[in-house]
C-alpha cells in the first residue's frame, strides 16, 4: 500500500535580481553547491544548499549573456551554461563553460543558437540542442561535432546516464532517438 508524503517548499532566493529561474544545476563535486540561472538575471551560486545566494561576477565579467536557458555539469566538473532562447525570441551569446567552479569562463565557438544542454555520467561531452540540430563537444575539442538526425533545429534534448540513449525533439512534432550514443537516430 502506497503512502503519500507532504513536501513543503520554501523560497530561499535569489530574490535580489529580476527574472524567472530557468535552470538549476546541483554541483557534481559538492551537493551543497547549487547553480541557478535566470532568463534575465544572470548566474547565481549557493554554497549552502540554497540558504544564501550570490551572483557569479566572473561570469558577467567574461561577457556572458544574462539570458540563461539551460545548464549542465559533466563528470570532470565542467559547468556549462547556455544563453538565449529561440522559442521565446530573446537572444544569447552562446554556451559558456567553467572548469574551475565559476572562477573563469570561456565560450564554445559556434554556439549562438543553443537552447538546451545535456550530459551523461559516462563521459565529459556536453550535448547541445541548437537551431541547426544536435551537437556535442568537450573541453579540448577543436570544433563541435554534428549529430543531426534530420534537417532543422532541435528544441529539446535528453541523454541517458550511460550516454547511449539520446532523445531529440525537432519541429513538426518529430522525435528522434539514438540508442548507440548518437551514431544514428530513428524517428
N, C-alpha and C. Protein backbone atom coordinates (compact mmCIF):
# COMPACT_ATOMS: atom_id res chain seq x y z
N UNK A 1 0.84 -1.17 0.00
CA UNK A 1 0.00 0.00 0.00
C UNK A 1 0.88 1.24 0.00
N UNK A 2 0.65 2.15 -0.92
CA UNK A 2 1.46 3.36 -1.01
C UNK A 2 1.01 4.43 -0.04
N UNK A 3 1.93 5.24 0.34
CA UNK A 3 1.61 6.39 1.20
C UNK A 3 2.07 7.65 0.50
N UNK A 4 1.41 8.71 0.81
CA UNK A 4 1.84 9.99 0.23
C UNK A 4 2.58 10.78 1.28
N UNK A 5 3.53 11.54 0.82
CA UNK A 5 4.32 12.39 1.72
C UNK A 5 4.06 13.82 1.35
N UNK A 6 4.03 14.65 2.34
CA UNK A 6 3.86 16.08 2.09
C UNK A 6 5.23 16.70 1.89
N UNK A 7 5.36 17.46 0.83
CA UNK A 7 6.60 18.17 0.55
C UNK A 7 6.29 19.66 0.64
N UNK A 8 7.07 20.36 1.42
CA UNK A 8 6.87 21.80 1.59
C UNK A 8 8.06 22.52 0.99
N UNK A 9 7.79 23.47 0.10
CA UNK A 9 8.85 24.28 -0.50
C UNK A 9 8.87 25.64 0.16
N UNK A 10 10.08 26.16 0.36
CA UNK A 10 10.26 27.48 0.93
C UNK A 10 11.14 28.29 -0.01
N UNK A 11 10.73 29.51 -0.32
CA UNK A 11 11.52 30.37 -1.20
C UNK A 11 12.76 30.85 -0.46
N UNK A 12 13.93 30.56 -1.06
CA UNK A 12 15.19 30.96 -0.45
C UNK A 12 16.02 31.87 -1.35
N UNK A 13 15.47 32.31 -2.47
CA UNK A 13 16.18 33.23 -3.33
C UNK A 13 16.68 32.54 -4.57
N UNK A 14 17.47 33.12 -5.42
CA UNK A 14 17.89 34.51 -5.32
C UNK A 14 16.71 35.46 -5.58
N UNK A 15 16.62 36.49 -4.77
CA UNK A 15 15.49 37.39 -4.91
C UNK A 15 15.89 38.85 -5.08
N UNK A 16 17.15 39.11 -5.33
CA UNK A 16 17.58 40.50 -5.46
C UNK A 16 17.78 40.92 -6.92
N UNK A 17 17.57 40.03 -7.87
CA UNK A 17 17.68 40.35 -9.29
C UNK A 17 16.45 39.75 -9.98
N UNK A 18 15.84 40.53 -10.87
CA UNK A 18 14.63 40.05 -11.54
C UNK A 18 14.91 38.95 -12.55
N UNK A 19 13.87 38.26 -12.92
CA UNK A 19 13.97 37.22 -13.95
C UNK A 19 13.54 35.87 -13.43
N UNK A 20 12.91 35.10 -14.31
CA UNK A 20 12.49 33.74 -13.95
C UNK A 20 13.71 32.83 -13.87
N UNK A 21 13.72 31.94 -12.90
CA UNK A 21 14.76 30.94 -12.82
C UNK A 21 14.46 29.90 -13.89
N UNK A 22 15.37 29.72 -14.82
CA UNK A 22 15.16 28.81 -15.95
C UNK A 22 15.97 27.53 -15.78
N UNK A 23 17.10 27.59 -15.09
CA UNK A 23 17.97 26.42 -14.99
C UNK A 23 18.56 26.30 -13.60
N UNK A 24 18.60 25.08 -13.10
CA UNK A 24 19.22 24.78 -11.80
C UNK A 24 20.13 23.59 -12.00
N UNK A 25 21.33 23.65 -11.43
CA UNK A 25 22.29 22.57 -11.56
C UNK A 25 22.94 22.32 -10.20
N UNK A 26 22.79 21.12 -9.67
CA UNK A 26 23.46 20.75 -8.43
C UNK A 26 24.86 20.29 -8.80
N UNK A 27 25.85 20.86 -8.15
CA UNK A 27 27.25 20.58 -8.47
C UNK A 27 27.57 19.11 -8.23
N UNK A 28 28.22 18.47 -9.18
CA UNK A 28 28.57 17.05 -9.07
C UNK A 28 29.59 16.78 -7.96
N UNK A 29 30.45 17.74 -7.66
CA UNK A 29 31.52 17.51 -6.70
C UNK A 29 31.16 17.95 -5.29
N UNK A 30 30.05 18.69 -5.13
CA UNK A 30 29.69 19.23 -3.82
C UNK A 30 28.19 19.47 -3.81
N UNK A 31 27.43 18.59 -3.14
CA UNK A 31 25.97 18.72 -3.16
C UNK A 31 25.48 19.97 -2.45
N UNK A 32 26.34 20.62 -1.69
CA UNK A 32 25.95 21.88 -1.05
C UNK A 32 25.97 23.05 -2.03
N UNK A 33 26.69 22.90 -3.17
CA UNK A 33 26.81 23.97 -4.15
C UNK A 33 25.72 23.80 -5.21
N UNK A 34 24.91 24.84 -5.37
CA UNK A 34 23.82 24.83 -6.33
C UNK A 34 23.96 26.05 -7.24
N UNK A 35 23.83 25.84 -8.54
CA UNK A 35 23.90 26.90 -9.53
C UNK A 35 22.48 27.20 -10.01
N UNK A 36 22.15 28.46 -10.19
CA UNK A 36 20.82 28.84 -10.69
C UNK A 36 20.99 29.94 -11.73
N UNK A 37 20.24 29.82 -12.83
CA UNK A 37 20.30 30.82 -13.90
C UNK A 37 18.92 31.30 -14.26
N UNK A 38 18.80 32.60 -14.48
CA UNK A 38 17.52 33.20 -14.83
C UNK A 38 17.48 33.66 -16.27
N UNK A 39 16.28 33.99 -16.74
CA UNK A 39 16.14 34.43 -18.12
C UNK A 39 16.57 35.87 -18.32
N UNK A 40 16.78 36.60 -17.25
CA UNK A 40 17.32 37.95 -17.41
C UNK A 40 18.23 38.36 -16.25
N UNK A 41 18.32 37.54 -15.23
CA UNK A 41 19.08 37.93 -14.03
C UNK A 41 20.49 37.43 -13.98
N UNK A 42 20.89 36.52 -14.85
CA UNK A 42 22.26 36.03 -14.84
C UNK A 42 22.42 34.76 -14.02
N UNK A 43 23.65 34.51 -13.61
CA UNK A 43 24.03 33.27 -12.93
C UNK A 43 24.29 33.53 -11.45
N UNK A 44 23.76 32.62 -10.61
CA UNK A 44 23.94 32.71 -9.16
C UNK A 44 24.44 31.37 -8.65
N UNK A 45 25.11 31.41 -7.49
CA UNK A 45 25.58 30.19 -6.85
C UNK A 45 25.27 30.26 -5.36
N UNK A 46 24.93 29.11 -4.81
CA UNK A 46 24.76 28.96 -3.37
C UNK A 46 25.72 27.86 -2.93
N UNK A 47 26.45 28.09 -1.87
CA UNK A 47 27.37 27.09 -1.34
C UNK A 47 26.83 26.40 -0.10
N UNK A 48 25.55 26.68 0.21
CA UNK A 48 24.93 26.06 1.38
C UNK A 48 23.50 25.59 1.09
N UNK A 49 23.33 24.90 -0.02
CA UNK A 49 22.06 24.28 -0.42
C UNK A 49 20.93 25.29 -0.60
N UNK A 50 21.25 26.50 -0.97
CA UNK A 50 20.23 27.49 -1.29
C UNK A 50 19.86 28.43 -0.16
N UNK A 51 20.55 28.39 0.95
CA UNK A 51 20.23 29.30 2.04
C UNK A 51 20.73 30.72 1.79
N UNK A 52 21.81 30.85 1.03
CA UNK A 52 22.35 32.16 0.68
C UNK A 52 22.85 32.09 -0.76
N UNK A 53 22.51 33.10 -1.56
CA UNK A 53 22.89 33.13 -2.97
C UNK A 53 23.76 34.35 -3.25
N UNK A 54 24.70 34.18 -4.17
CA UNK A 54 25.49 35.31 -4.63
C UNK A 54 25.63 35.23 -6.14
N UNK A 55 25.70 36.40 -6.74
CA UNK A 55 25.86 36.48 -8.18
C UNK A 55 27.27 36.04 -8.56
N UNK A 56 27.40 35.33 -9.67
CA UNK A 56 28.70 34.86 -10.15
C UNK A 56 29.29 35.97 -11.02
N UNK A 57 30.03 36.86 -10.40
CA UNK A 57 30.56 38.04 -11.10
C UNK A 57 31.53 37.69 -12.22
N UNK A 58 32.43 36.69 -12.08
CA UNK A 58 33.31 36.37 -13.21
C UNK A 58 32.55 35.98 -14.48
N UNK A 59 31.35 35.40 -14.33
CA UNK A 59 30.52 35.06 -15.48
C UNK A 59 30.12 36.33 -16.23
N UNK A 60 29.68 37.33 -15.49
CA UNK A 60 29.29 38.61 -16.09
C UNK A 60 30.51 39.31 -16.68
N UNK A 61 31.61 39.32 -15.94
CA UNK A 61 32.83 40.00 -16.39
C UNK A 61 33.41 39.37 -17.65
N UNK A 62 33.17 38.07 -17.88
CA UNK A 62 33.66 37.39 -19.08
C UNK A 62 32.88 37.80 -20.32
N UNK A 63 31.73 38.46 -20.12
CA UNK A 63 30.91 38.89 -21.25
C UNK A 63 29.77 37.96 -21.57
N UNK A 64 29.50 37.00 -20.69
CA UNK A 64 28.40 36.06 -20.91
C UNK A 64 27.06 36.78 -20.77
N UNK A 65 26.10 36.36 -21.57
CA UNK A 65 24.78 36.95 -21.60
C UNK A 65 23.99 36.54 -20.36
N UNK A 66 23.19 37.46 -19.78
CA UNK A 66 22.41 37.10 -18.59
C UNK A 66 21.17 36.26 -18.89
N UNK A 67 20.83 36.06 -20.17
CA UNK A 67 19.64 35.30 -20.54
C UNK A 67 19.98 33.80 -20.57
N UNK A 68 19.85 33.13 -19.44
CA UNK A 68 20.24 31.73 -19.31
C UNK A 68 19.05 30.82 -19.58
N UNK A 69 19.28 29.80 -20.43
CA UNK A 69 18.21 28.88 -20.77
C UNK A 69 18.44 27.47 -20.25
N UNK A 70 19.69 27.07 -20.01
CA UNK A 70 19.97 25.70 -19.60
C UNK A 70 21.36 25.60 -18.98
N UNK A 71 21.54 24.60 -18.11
CA UNK A 71 22.85 24.33 -17.51
C UNK A 71 23.02 22.83 -17.33
N UNK A 72 24.28 22.39 -17.36
CA UNK A 72 24.62 21.02 -17.01
C UNK A 72 26.07 20.99 -16.55
N UNK A 73 26.45 19.90 -15.88
CA UNK A 73 27.82 19.71 -15.44
C UNK A 73 28.26 18.31 -15.84
N UNK A 74 29.42 18.21 -16.46
CA UNK A 74 29.97 16.92 -16.88
C UNK A 74 30.75 16.28 -15.73
N UNK A 75 31.08 14.98 -15.82
CA UNK A 75 31.79 14.30 -14.73
C UNK A 75 33.13 14.92 -14.36
N UNK A 76 33.77 15.64 -15.28
CA UNK A 76 35.04 16.30 -14.94
C UNK A 76 34.81 17.64 -14.24
N UNK A 77 33.58 17.90 -13.81
CA UNK A 77 33.17 19.11 -13.07
C UNK A 77 33.22 20.38 -13.90
N UNK A 78 33.09 20.26 -15.21
CA UNK A 78 32.97 21.44 -16.06
C UNK A 78 31.50 21.86 -16.08
N UNK A 79 31.24 23.10 -15.71
CA UNK A 79 29.88 23.65 -15.70
C UNK A 79 29.63 24.35 -17.03
N UNK A 80 28.52 24.02 -17.67
CA UNK A 80 28.13 24.62 -18.95
C UNK A 80 26.85 25.43 -18.76
N UNK A 81 26.80 26.60 -19.38
CA UNK A 81 25.63 27.49 -19.29
C UNK A 81 25.26 27.93 -20.70
N UNK A 82 24.02 27.64 -21.13
CA UNK A 82 23.52 28.08 -22.44
C UNK A 82 22.75 29.38 -22.26
N UNK A 83 22.93 30.29 -23.21
CA UNK A 83 22.23 31.58 -23.14
C UNK A 83 21.31 31.73 -24.35
N UNK A 84 20.20 32.40 -24.14
CA UNK A 84 19.27 32.69 -25.22
C UNK A 84 18.15 31.66 -25.32
N UNK A 85 17.13 32.01 -26.09
CA UNK A 85 16.01 31.10 -26.30
C UNK A 85 15.42 31.36 -27.68
N UNK A 86 15.53 30.37 -28.56
CA UNK A 86 14.95 30.52 -29.89
C UNK A 86 13.43 30.58 -29.83
N UNK A 87 12.82 29.81 -28.92
CA UNK A 87 11.37 29.76 -28.82
C UNK A 87 10.77 31.07 -28.32
N UNK A 88 11.44 31.72 -27.39
CA UNK A 88 10.90 32.94 -26.80
C UNK A 88 11.40 34.21 -27.48
N UNK A 89 12.35 34.07 -28.37
CA UNK A 89 12.82 35.22 -29.13
C UNK A 89 13.79 36.13 -28.41
N UNK A 90 14.42 35.67 -27.32
CA UNK A 90 15.44 36.50 -26.71
C UNK A 90 16.80 35.89 -26.96
N UNK A 91 17.69 36.74 -27.39
CA UNK A 91 18.99 36.30 -27.87
C UNK A 91 19.99 36.03 -26.77
N UNK A 92 20.91 35.16 -27.08
CA UNK A 92 22.01 34.87 -26.18
C UNK A 92 23.32 35.08 -26.91
N UNK A 93 24.39 34.71 -26.28
CA UNK A 93 25.68 34.79 -26.97
C UNK A 93 26.47 33.51 -26.78
N UNK A 94 25.77 32.39 -26.89
CA UNK A 94 26.45 31.10 -26.93
C UNK A 94 26.43 30.32 -25.64
N UNK A 95 27.21 29.25 -25.65
CA UNK A 95 27.37 28.40 -24.48
C UNK A 95 28.69 28.76 -23.82
N UNK A 96 28.64 28.97 -22.53
CA UNK A 96 29.81 29.33 -21.73
C UNK A 96 30.13 28.17 -20.79
N UNK A 97 31.42 28.01 -20.47
CA UNK A 97 31.79 26.93 -19.57
C UNK A 97 32.90 27.38 -18.63
N UNK A 98 32.92 26.72 -17.46
CA UNK A 98 33.95 26.98 -16.45
C UNK A 98 34.48 25.64 -15.96
N UNK A 99 35.81 25.51 -15.94
CA UNK A 99 36.44 24.29 -15.44
C UNK A 99 36.93 24.46 -14.01
N UNK A 100 36.69 25.65 -13.42
CA UNK A 100 37.19 25.94 -12.07
C UNK A 100 36.11 26.50 -11.15
N UNK A 101 34.90 25.93 -11.26
CA UNK A 101 33.78 26.26 -10.39
C UNK A 101 33.40 27.74 -10.43
N UNK A 102 33.42 28.32 -11.63
CA UNK A 102 32.93 29.67 -11.82
C UNK A 102 33.94 30.78 -11.69
N UNK A 103 35.20 30.45 -11.49
CA UNK A 103 36.22 31.50 -11.35
C UNK A 103 36.57 32.13 -12.69
N UNK A 104 36.71 31.29 -13.74
CA UNK A 104 36.97 31.80 -15.09
C UNK A 104 35.97 31.15 -16.05
N UNK A 105 35.72 31.86 -17.17
CA UNK A 105 34.73 31.42 -18.15
C UNK A 105 35.26 31.56 -19.56
N UNK A 106 34.86 30.62 -20.42
CA UNK A 106 35.17 30.66 -21.86
C UNK A 106 33.90 30.29 -22.61
N UNK A 107 33.85 30.65 -23.88
CA UNK A 107 32.68 30.27 -24.68
C UNK A 107 33.06 29.21 -25.70
N UNK A 108 32.06 28.39 -26.06
CA UNK A 108 32.26 27.38 -27.09
C UNK A 108 31.97 28.06 -28.42
N UNK A 109 32.92 28.11 -29.35
CA UNK A 109 32.68 28.77 -30.64
C UNK A 109 31.53 28.12 -31.41
N UNK A 110 30.75 28.95 -32.08
CA UNK A 110 29.68 28.46 -32.94
C UNK A 110 28.43 28.00 -32.22
N UNK A 111 28.19 28.51 -31.02
CA UNK A 111 27.04 28.05 -30.24
C UNK A 111 26.02 29.14 -29.96
N UNK A 112 25.89 30.10 -30.85
CA UNK A 112 24.96 31.21 -30.57
C UNK A 112 23.50 30.79 -30.56
N UNK A 113 23.15 29.69 -31.19
CA UNK A 113 21.76 29.27 -31.25
C UNK A 113 21.50 27.98 -30.47
N UNK A 114 21.97 27.89 -29.25
CA UNK A 114 21.77 26.71 -28.41
C UNK A 114 20.74 27.03 -27.33
N UNK A 115 19.75 26.16 -27.17
CA UNK A 115 18.71 26.41 -26.18
C UNK A 115 18.69 25.40 -25.04
N UNK A 116 19.29 24.24 -25.23
CA UNK A 116 19.27 23.24 -24.16
C UNK A 116 20.55 22.43 -24.16
N UNK A 117 21.00 22.08 -22.95
CA UNK A 117 22.22 21.29 -22.76
C UNK A 117 21.89 20.00 -22.03
N UNK A 118 22.68 18.97 -22.25
CA UNK A 118 22.54 17.72 -21.52
C UNK A 118 23.92 17.09 -21.39
N UNK A 119 24.09 16.24 -20.39
CA UNK A 119 25.32 15.49 -20.23
C UNK A 119 24.99 14.14 -19.62
N UNK A 120 25.96 13.23 -19.64
CA UNK A 120 25.77 11.90 -19.07
C UNK A 120 26.82 11.67 -17.99
N UNK A 121 26.72 10.53 -17.33
CA UNK A 121 27.74 10.15 -16.35
C UNK A 121 28.89 9.38 -16.98
N UNK A 122 28.76 9.08 -18.29
CA UNK A 122 29.70 8.19 -18.96
C UNK A 122 30.94 8.87 -19.52
N UNK A 123 30.83 10.15 -19.88
CA UNK A 123 31.96 10.84 -20.49
C UNK A 123 31.83 12.34 -20.22
N UNK A 124 32.73 13.11 -20.76
CA UNK A 124 32.75 14.54 -20.49
C UNK A 124 32.18 15.38 -21.63
N UNK A 125 31.38 14.76 -22.49
CA UNK A 125 30.74 15.51 -23.56
C UNK A 125 29.54 16.28 -23.03
N UNK A 126 29.34 17.47 -23.60
CA UNK A 126 28.10 18.20 -23.40
C UNK A 126 27.34 18.09 -24.72
N UNK A 127 26.06 17.80 -24.63
CA UNK A 127 25.20 17.67 -25.81
C UNK A 127 24.39 18.94 -25.92
N UNK A 128 24.26 19.46 -27.15
CA UNK A 128 23.61 20.75 -27.37
C UNK A 128 22.44 20.62 -28.33
N UNK A 129 21.30 21.18 -27.94
CA UNK A 129 20.14 21.32 -28.83
C UNK A 129 20.28 22.70 -29.46
N UNK A 130 20.49 22.75 -30.78
CA UNK A 130 20.74 24.02 -31.45
C UNK A 130 19.74 24.24 -32.59
N UNK A 131 19.77 25.44 -33.14
CA UNK A 131 18.91 25.79 -34.27
C UNK A 131 19.28 25.02 -35.53
N UNK A 132 20.45 24.38 -35.53
CA UNK A 132 20.88 23.58 -36.68
C UNK A 132 21.02 22.10 -36.35
N UNK A 133 20.45 21.66 -35.23
CA UNK A 133 20.45 20.25 -34.88
C UNK A 133 21.19 19.92 -33.61
N UNK A 134 21.42 18.62 -33.40
CA UNK A 134 22.11 18.12 -32.21
C UNK A 134 23.62 18.18 -32.44
N UNK A 135 24.33 18.65 -31.43
CA UNK A 135 25.79 18.74 -31.50
C UNK A 135 26.36 18.22 -30.18
N UNK A 136 27.65 17.87 -30.19
CA UNK A 136 28.33 17.52 -28.95
C UNK A 136 29.72 18.13 -28.94
N UNK A 137 30.26 18.33 -27.73
CA UNK A 137 31.56 18.99 -27.58
C UNK A 137 32.10 18.65 -26.20
N UNK A 138 33.42 18.66 -26.06
CA UNK A 138 34.05 18.57 -24.74
C UNK A 138 35.27 19.46 -24.73
N UNK A 139 35.71 19.84 -23.55
CA UNK A 139 36.88 20.69 -23.40
C UNK A 139 38.05 20.03 -24.12
N UNK A 140 38.71 20.79 -24.97
CA UNK A 140 39.82 20.29 -25.75
C UNK A 140 39.47 20.01 -27.20
N UNK A 141 38.17 19.88 -27.52
CA UNK A 141 37.77 19.68 -28.91
C UNK A 141 37.98 20.97 -29.70
N UNK A 142 38.42 20.83 -30.92
CA UNK A 142 38.64 22.00 -31.78
C UNK A 142 37.33 22.57 -32.29
N UNK A 143 36.33 21.71 -32.49
CA UNK A 143 35.05 22.17 -33.05
C UNK A 143 33.92 21.29 -32.55
N UNK A 144 32.71 21.75 -32.77
CA UNK A 144 31.52 20.98 -32.44
C UNK A 144 31.41 19.78 -33.37
N UNK A 145 30.86 18.68 -32.87
CA UNK A 145 30.56 17.52 -33.70
C UNK A 145 29.06 17.49 -33.93
N UNK A 146 28.63 17.49 -35.19
CA UNK A 146 27.20 17.48 -35.52
C UNK A 146 26.69 16.04 -35.52
N UNK A 147 25.53 15.84 -34.88
CA UNK A 147 24.87 14.53 -34.84
C UNK A 147 23.42 14.73 -35.26
N UNK A 148 23.23 15.35 -36.39
CA UNK A 148 21.90 15.78 -36.80
C UNK A 148 21.14 14.64 -37.47
N UNK A 149 20.03 14.18 -36.84
CA UNK A 149 19.24 13.12 -37.43
C UNK A 149 18.35 13.58 -38.59
N UNK A 150 18.09 14.89 -38.70
CA UNK A 150 17.25 15.44 -39.75
C UNK A 150 17.57 16.92 -39.91
N UNK A 151 17.07 17.51 -40.98
CA UNK A 151 17.28 18.95 -41.17
C UNK A 151 16.43 19.73 -40.17
N UNK A 152 16.90 20.90 -39.80
CA UNK A 152 16.14 21.76 -38.90
C UNK A 152 16.75 21.84 -37.53
N UNK A 153 16.04 22.55 -36.68
CA UNK A 153 16.54 22.79 -35.34
C UNK A 153 16.00 21.82 -34.31
N UNK A 154 16.84 21.52 -33.33
CA UNK A 154 16.46 20.68 -32.21
C UNK A 154 16.02 21.60 -31.07
N UNK A 155 14.84 21.36 -30.53
CA UNK A 155 14.31 22.25 -29.49
C UNK A 155 14.43 21.67 -28.08
N UNK A 156 14.58 20.37 -27.94
CA UNK A 156 14.72 19.75 -26.62
C UNK A 156 15.57 18.50 -26.75
N UNK A 157 16.28 18.17 -25.67
CA UNK A 157 17.27 17.11 -25.74
C UNK A 157 17.44 16.46 -24.37
N UNK A 158 17.48 15.14 -24.33
CA UNK A 158 17.78 14.40 -23.10
C UNK A 158 18.77 13.30 -23.45
N UNK A 159 19.69 13.02 -22.51
CA UNK A 159 20.71 11.99 -22.68
C UNK A 159 20.68 11.09 -21.46
N UNK A 160 20.74 9.77 -21.67
CA UNK A 160 20.72 8.83 -20.55
C UNK A 160 22.01 8.92 -19.75
N UNK A 161 21.98 8.37 -18.54
CA UNK A 161 23.16 8.41 -17.67
C UNK A 161 24.37 7.74 -18.29
N UNK A 162 24.15 6.68 -19.10
CA UNK A 162 25.29 5.99 -19.71
C UNK A 162 25.68 6.60 -21.06
N UNK A 163 24.98 7.65 -21.51
CA UNK A 163 25.32 8.35 -22.74
C UNK A 163 24.92 7.64 -24.01
N UNK A 164 24.24 6.52 -23.91
CA UNK A 164 23.88 5.75 -25.10
C UNK A 164 22.54 6.14 -25.70
N UNK A 165 21.57 6.47 -24.87
CA UNK A 165 20.24 6.84 -25.37
C UNK A 165 20.13 8.37 -25.42
N UNK A 166 19.83 8.87 -26.61
CA UNK A 166 19.66 10.31 -26.82
C UNK A 166 18.30 10.52 -27.44
N UNK A 167 17.50 11.38 -26.85
CA UNK A 167 16.18 11.71 -27.38
C UNK A 167 16.21 13.19 -27.76
N UNK A 168 15.88 13.47 -29.02
CA UNK A 168 15.94 14.84 -29.55
C UNK A 168 14.60 15.21 -30.16
N UNK A 169 14.05 16.35 -29.75
CA UNK A 169 12.78 16.84 -30.28
C UNK A 169 13.05 17.90 -31.34
N UNK A 170 12.37 17.74 -32.48
CA UNK A 170 12.52 18.67 -33.60
C UNK A 170 11.18 19.29 -33.92
N UNK A 171 11.18 20.35 -34.72
CA UNK A 171 9.95 21.00 -35.15
C UNK A 171 9.04 20.02 -35.86
N UNK A 172 7.75 20.36 -35.94
CA UNK A 172 6.80 19.48 -36.60
C UNK A 172 6.48 18.26 -35.77
N UNK A 173 6.68 18.35 -34.45
CA UNK A 173 6.37 17.26 -33.52
C UNK A 173 7.09 15.96 -33.85
N UNK A 174 8.34 16.07 -34.28
CA UNK A 174 9.16 14.90 -34.58
C UNK A 174 10.12 14.64 -33.42
N UNK A 175 10.22 13.39 -33.03
CA UNK A 175 11.17 12.98 -32.00
C UNK A 175 12.08 11.92 -32.60
N UNK A 176 13.38 12.09 -32.38
CA UNK A 176 14.37 11.14 -32.87
C UNK A 176 15.10 10.54 -31.69
N UNK A 177 15.38 9.24 -31.77
CA UNK A 177 16.02 8.52 -30.68
C UNK A 177 17.25 7.78 -31.20
N UNK A 178 18.34 7.91 -30.47
CA UNK A 178 19.54 7.14 -30.75
C UNK A 178 19.77 6.21 -29.56
N UNK A 179 20.08 4.95 -29.83
CA UNK A 179 20.39 4.01 -28.75
C UNK A 179 21.86 3.60 -28.77
N UNK A 180 22.65 4.32 -29.58
CA UNK A 180 24.07 4.00 -29.68
C UNK A 180 24.96 5.24 -29.55
N UNK A 181 24.59 6.14 -28.66
CA UNK A 181 25.43 7.32 -28.39
C UNK A 181 25.46 8.35 -29.49
N UNK A 182 24.47 8.35 -30.38
CA UNK A 182 24.39 9.36 -31.42
C UNK A 182 24.96 8.94 -32.76
N UNK A 183 25.37 7.68 -32.90
CA UNK A 183 25.90 7.23 -34.19
C UNK A 183 24.81 7.26 -35.26
N UNK A 184 23.59 6.87 -34.87
CA UNK A 184 22.45 7.03 -35.78
C UNK A 184 21.18 7.21 -34.96
N UNK A 185 20.16 7.76 -35.62
CA UNK A 185 18.88 8.08 -34.97
C UNK A 185 17.73 7.45 -35.76
N UNK A 186 16.66 7.13 -35.06
CA UNK A 186 15.42 6.67 -35.69
C UNK A 186 14.29 7.56 -35.19
N UNK A 187 13.28 7.80 -36.06
CA UNK A 187 12.15 8.63 -35.62
C UNK A 187 10.97 7.76 -35.23
